[in-house]
Amino acid sequence: MSQSISLNTPLHTPLNTSLNDALNWRYAVNKFAHSILSSEQLNHLIESVRLAPSAYGIQPYQLLVISNPETKQACLPFSYGQDKVAKCSHLLVLAHKTNVTQQDIAHFIEQLAKTQNKTAHQLSTYQTQIQADLLSRSSEEQNNWAQQQTYIALGILLASAAASFIDACPMTGFEVDGINEVLQLNQKGLSAAVLCPVGIRAENDVSAQRTKHRISQDQLVVNL
């Protein structure tokens, strides 16, 4: 039986709750406390993104972990005034590749071969399959595909954070060009897809007291 948790469940609560209970506990934080996540907590979130699934396993994105107050503050003007970007413990940014090249795929196959103790030749059929799909797409289609993969990683990140009673607030409402400029992403062939401030909720965050609203299963599910 899962342990019932409330909005104010402390961080040290034993992690024997169900994932659904943890997801019910989480909310989009509006105000963070001044607490700074420990290196262990931060690494837990990073590892969840690393372990996230993606199409072909290629993970066409990078995770930026921003702890520098000046850098967080520089992102604020391009975040529509949402000051949690600057006042969170860490600002996580999922930035996707804007173009997937044959070299990217070859590098992925090389790394995959090492992990699975195979030769690149043994994975040549898989490499051809990936190339036939991704390299046949237009630049816009590649960009959209890579961006979609970041949302899968985001879902894993949010679930992992909730399961550890770490607060997070996913944000897709921001000025992409401005964030890209601040973080110098264009030079790296990347573009910001999601901002996700993380930390611990402030005790006086009024958003925490609002009843969670989600559509019912009847509205959600279509049985065929």
Protein backbone atom coordinates (compact mmCIF):
# COMPACT_ATOMS: atom_id res chain seq x y z
CA MET A 1 0.00 0.00 0.00
CA SER A 2 1.37 3.42 -0.90
CA GLN A 3 1.93 6.08 1.70
CA SER A 4 -0.42 9.05 1.50
CA ILE A 5 1.45 12.30 0.98
CA SER A 6 0.43 15.92 1.21
CA LEU A 7 1.59 19.07 -0.51
CA ASN A 8 3.87 19.77 2.44
CA THR A 9 5.49 16.34 2.63
CA PRO A 10 9.12 16.98 3.63
CA LEU A 11 11.99 16.03 1.39
CA HIS A 12 13.26 13.35 3.78
CA THR A 13 10.02 11.35 3.62
CA PRO A 14 10.80 7.66 2.87
CA LEU A 15 10.42 6.96 -0.81
CA ASN A 16 7.83 4.21 -0.43
CA THR A 17 5.01 6.14 -2.05
CA SER A 18 3.60 5.20 -5.41
CA LEU A 19 4.59 7.19 -8.47
CA ASN A 20 0.99 8.33 -8.90
CA ASP A 21 0.95 9.67 -5.34
CA ALA A 22 4.17 11.56 -6.06
CA LEU A 23 2.72 12.98 -9.28
CA ASN A 24 -0.35 14.09 -7.36
CA TRP A 25 1.98 15.84 -4.89
CA ARG A 26 3.84 17.79 -7.57
CA TYR A 27 2.64 21.02 -9.10
CA ALA A 28 4.07 23.80 -11.23
CA VAL A 29 5.97 25.76 -8.59
CA ASN A 30 5.51 29.50 -8.72
CA LYS A 31 7.86 30.42 -5.88
CA PHE A 32 10.98 28.59 -4.74
CA ALA A 33 12.59 28.65 -1.30
CA HIS A 34 16.20 29.77 -1.03
CA SER A 35 17.29 26.14 -0.55
CA ILE A 36 19.98 24.77 -2.85
CA LEU A 37 19.71 21.18 -4.01
CA SER A 38 22.49 18.89 -2.85
CA SER A 39 24.90 17.43 -5.38
CA GLU A 40 23.22 14.06 -4.78
CA GLN A 41 19.77 15.46 -5.54
CA LEU A 42 21.02 17.25 -8.63
CA ASN A 43 22.83 14.19 -9.92
CA HIS A 44 19.64 12.17 -9.42
CA LEU A 45 17.81 14.50 -11.80
CA ILE A 46 20.66 14.52 -14.31
CA GLU A 47 20.82 10.74 -14.31
CA SER A 48 17.08 10.48 -14.94
CA VAL A 49 17.52 12.54 -18.11
CA ARG A 50 20.49 10.44 -19.16
CA LEU A 51 18.41 7.27 -18.76
CA ALA A 52 15.39 8.68 -20.60
CA PRO A 53 14.25 6.88 -23.75
CA SER A 54 14.47 8.48 -27.17
CA ALA A 55 13.88 7.43 -30.76
CA TYR A 56 16.67 5.05 -31.83
CA GLY A 57 18.30 5.80 -28.46
CA ILE A 58 20.17 8.64 -30.12
CA GLN A 59 19.26 11.40 -27.59
CA PRO A 60 19.68 14.42 -29.90
CA TYR A 61 19.88 16.99 -27.12
CA GLN A 62 21.96 18.27 -24.26
CA LEU A 63 21.04 19.18 -20.70
CA LEU A 64 22.34 22.52 -19.47
CA VAL A 65 22.59 22.77 -15.68
CA ILE A 66 22.73 26.42 -14.66
CA SER A 67 23.69 27.28 -11.10
CA ASN A 68 25.42 30.61 -11.75
CA PRO A 69 23.11 33.39 -10.44
CA GLU A 70 24.22 35.84 -13.13
CA THR A 71 23.42 33.40 -15.93
CA LYS A 72 20.01 32.63 -14.43
CA GLN A 73 19.32 36.35 -14.11
CA ALA A 74 20.34 36.90 -17.74
CA CYS A 75 17.66 34.40 -18.79
CA LEU A 76 14.92 36.29 -16.91
CA PRO A 77 14.20 38.99 -19.55
CA PHE A 78 13.46 36.25 -22.07
CA SER A 79 11.19 34.28 -19.71
CA TYR A 80 8.19 36.64 -19.69
CA GLY A 81 8.97 37.88 -16.19
CA GLN A 82 8.76 34.47 -14.52
CA ASP A 83 11.28 35.14 -11.77
CA LYS A 84 11.46 31.49 -10.70
CA VAL A 85 13.96 31.19 -13.55
CA ALA A 86 16.35 33.34 -11.53
CA LYS A 87 15.32 32.30 -8.01
CA CYS A 88 15.35 28.51 -8.36
CA SER A 89 18.14 26.32 -7.04
CA HIS A 90 19.17 25.29 -10.55
CA LEU A 91 17.80 26.11 -13.97
CA LEU A 92 17.77 23.08 -16.24
CA VAL A 93 17.55 23.65 -19.98
CA LEU A 94 16.90 20.90 -22.50
CA ALA A 95 18.38 22.05 -25.80
CA HIS A 96 17.92 19.98 -28.94
CA LYS A 97 20.16 19.63 -31.96
CA THR A 98 18.95 21.73 -34.84
CA ASN A 99 20.44 19.38 -37.40
CA VAL A 100 21.27 15.66 -37.26
CA THR A 101 24.16 14.74 -39.55
CA GLN A 102 25.62 11.52 -40.88
CA GLN A 103 28.57 12.13 -38.56
CA ASP A 104 26.22 12.35 -35.56
CA ILE A 105 24.72 8.99 -36.45
CA ALA A 106 28.13 7.41 -37.04
CA HIS A 107 29.33 8.67 -33.65
CA PHE A 108 26.22 7.25 -31.98
CA ILE A 109 26.76 3.85 -33.62
CA GLU A 110 30.41 3.89 -32.53
CA GLN A 111 29.44 4.57 -28.91
CA LEU A 112 26.62 2.02 -29.03
CA ALA A 113 28.99 -0.63 -30.34
CA LYS A 114 31.35 -0.02 -27.42
CA THR A 115 28.52 -0.23 -24.90
CA GLN A 116 27.18 -3.47 -26.37
CA ASN A 117 30.62 -4.96 -27.01
CA LYS A 118 30.00 -5.16 -30.74
CA THR A 119 31.72 -3.84 -33.83
CA ALA A 120 30.34 -0.97 -35.84
CA HIS A 121 30.01 -3.42 -38.73
CA GLN A 122 27.62 -5.55 -36.69
CA LEU A 123 25.41 -2.49 -36.28
CA SER A 124 25.64 -1.39 -39.91
CA THR A 125 22.06 -2.42 -40.70
CA TYR A 126 20.80 -0.37 -37.76
CA GLN A 127 22.96 2.57 -38.86
CA THR A 128 21.54 2.37 -42.38
CA GLN A 129 18.01 2.32 -40.96
CA ILE A 130 18.61 5.45 -38.89
CA GLN A 131 20.28 7.27 -41.79
CA ALA A 132 17.48 6.37 -44.18
CA ASP A 133 14.96 7.90 -41.80
CA LEU A 134 16.67 10.96 -40.36
CA LEU A 135 18.79 12.07 -43.31
CA SER A 136 15.78 11.95 -45.64
CA ARG A 137 14.02 14.59 -43.54
CA SER A 138 14.17 18.30 -44.24
CA SER A 139 16.00 20.56 -41.80
CA GLU A 140 12.67 21.65 -40.33
CA GLU A 141 11.54 18.04 -39.91
CA GLN A 142 14.84 17.11 -38.25
CA ASN A 143 14.52 20.10 -35.94
CA ASN A 144 10.96 19.13 -34.96
CA TRP A 145 11.93 15.49 -34.43
CA ALA A 146 14.84 16.41 -32.16
CA GLN A 147 12.67 18.83 -30.20
CA GLN A 148 10.07 16.10 -29.64
CA GLN A 149 12.71 13.91 -28.03
CA THR A 150 13.35 16.55 -25.36
CA TYR A 151 9.73 16.31 -24.22
CA ILE A 152 10.17 12.60 -23.54
CA ALA A 153 13.22 13.42 -21.42
CA LEU A 154 11.26 16.17 -19.68
CA GLY A 155 8.52 13.74 -18.68
CA ILE A 156 11.07 11.41 -17.13
CA LEU A 157 12.74 14.36 -15.37
CA LEU A 158 9.46 15.56 -13.84
CA ALA A 159 8.48 12.08 -12.68
CA SER A 160 11.90 11.50 -11.18
CA ALA A 161 11.82 14.85 -9.40
CA ALA A 162 8.36 14.18 -7.98
CA ALA A 163 9.37 10.71 -6.78
CA SER A 164 12.20 12.35 -4.82
CA PHE A 165 10.07 15.28 -3.60
CA ILE A 166 12.08 17.77 -5.60
CA ASP A 167 10.04 20.56 -7.10
CA ALA A 168 10.17 21.45 -10.77
CA CYS A 169 8.32 23.72 -13.16
CA PRO A 170 8.47 22.91 -16.89
CA MET A 171 8.36 25.99 -19.11
CA THR A 172 7.92 26.20 -22.86
CA GLY A 173 6.78 29.82 -22.71
CA PHE A 174 9.96 31.81 -23.32
CA GLU A 175 11.75 33.69 -26.08
CA VAL A 176 13.82 31.01 -27.76
CA ASP A 177 16.13 33.36 -29.63
CA GLY A 178 16.93 35.29 -26.47
CA ILE A 179 17.68 32.18 -24.41
CA ASN A 180 19.77 30.79 -27.26
CA GLU A 181 21.81 33.99 -27.31
CA VAL A 182 22.37 34.10 -23.54
CA LEU A 183 23.47 30.47 -23.44
CA GLN A 184 25.33 30.66 -26.78
CA LEU A 185 23.41 27.67 -28.09
CA ASN A 186 23.42 28.61 -31.76
CA GLN A 187 27.19 28.25 -31.88
CA LYS A 188 26.79 24.70 -30.58
CA GLY A 189 24.13 23.71 -33.10
CA LEU A 190 21.50 23.66 -30.35
CA SER A 191 18.24 25.42 -29.57
CA ALA A 192 16.41 25.66 -26.24
CA ALA A 193 13.26 23.53 -26.14
CA VAL A 194 12.33 23.55 -22.45
CA LEU A 195 13.32 25.50 -19.35
CA CYS A 196 12.84 23.66 -16.07
CA PRO A 197 13.62 25.48 -12.83
CA VAL A 198 14.15 23.00 -9.99
CA GLY A 199 14.50 23.32 -6.23
CA ILE A 200 12.29 23.26 -3.15
CA ARG A 201 8.95 25.06 -2.98
CA ALA A 202 8.59 28.10 -0.75
CA GLU A 203 6.33 27.57 2.25
CA ASN A 204 4.26 30.59 1.23
CA ASP A 205 3.81 29.60 -2.42
CA VAL A 206 0.06 30.01 -2.81
CA SER A 207 0.07 27.80 -5.91
CA ALA A 208 0.79 24.81 -3.67
CA GLN A 209 -2.60 25.18 -1.99
CA ARG A 210 -4.64 25.01 -5.17
CA THR A 211 -6.52 21.80 -5.78
CA LYS A 212 -4.93 19.90 -8.65
CA HIS A 213 -7.13 19.77 -11.72
CA ARG A 214 -6.82 17.11 -14.40
CA ILE A 215 -9.41 15.75 -16.80
CA SER A 216 -11.14 12.55 -15.74
CA GLN A 217 -10.20 9.13 -17.10
CA ASP A 218 -13.52 9.11 -18.97
CA GLN A 219 -12.50 12.29 -20.76
CA LEU A 220 -8.96 11.09 -21.33
CA VAL A 221 -9.34 7.50 -22.48
CA VAL A 222 -10.76 6.22 -25.73
CA ASN A 223 -11.30 2.46 -25.60
CA LEU A 224 -11.31 0.75 -28.99
